[in-house]
Amino acid sequence: MWICDPYTLLEDAMLMIGLFIRKNNELIKLAENFNKELLNTQHLEIFSVLSEKQRMSLYQKSKEISWTYLKVSISVFEGSSLRNISKLKEYNDLEFEVCVSFYLRDYNPFSDTFKIRDKTKDDAFWKRYLDVLKGE
């Protein structure tokens, strides 16, 4: 389990995918050069064990590796901390899909009721949401 910096959630997720799913040798060697325990620990605060310069180097390398035959699907839920989804375009040959909530039904245990939010007809919502995802 990695505890990530809230400002680099996307980069940290892509780094984990590159290391643990894609198992890219170049990325693994670079990570091991920075910290041998990075790949072998059960609980890790990535921003505590790697300097910002080391993390930036790993993020850059993860953008350069081959992502062929892998598609990443990201669900961005209401209130998510995930930002700057457009950064996915920087990853070499990566296929990806971003899914957002447009119809929600939440249970409130205090009032024992469901709250429904239908965003399908709210143009302002879509503009705000797309701006946030693009990092604007």
Foldseek 3Di string as FASTA:
>chain_A
DEDEDLVCVVLVVLLCCVCPPVVDVVLVVLVCVQPVCPPPDPYYHPCVSGPPVSSVVSSLVSQVDDQPPDEEEEEAEPPRSDFQQVCVVSRPPYHYYYHYDQWDWDADPVVRHIDIHHRPPPPVVVVVVVCRRNVD
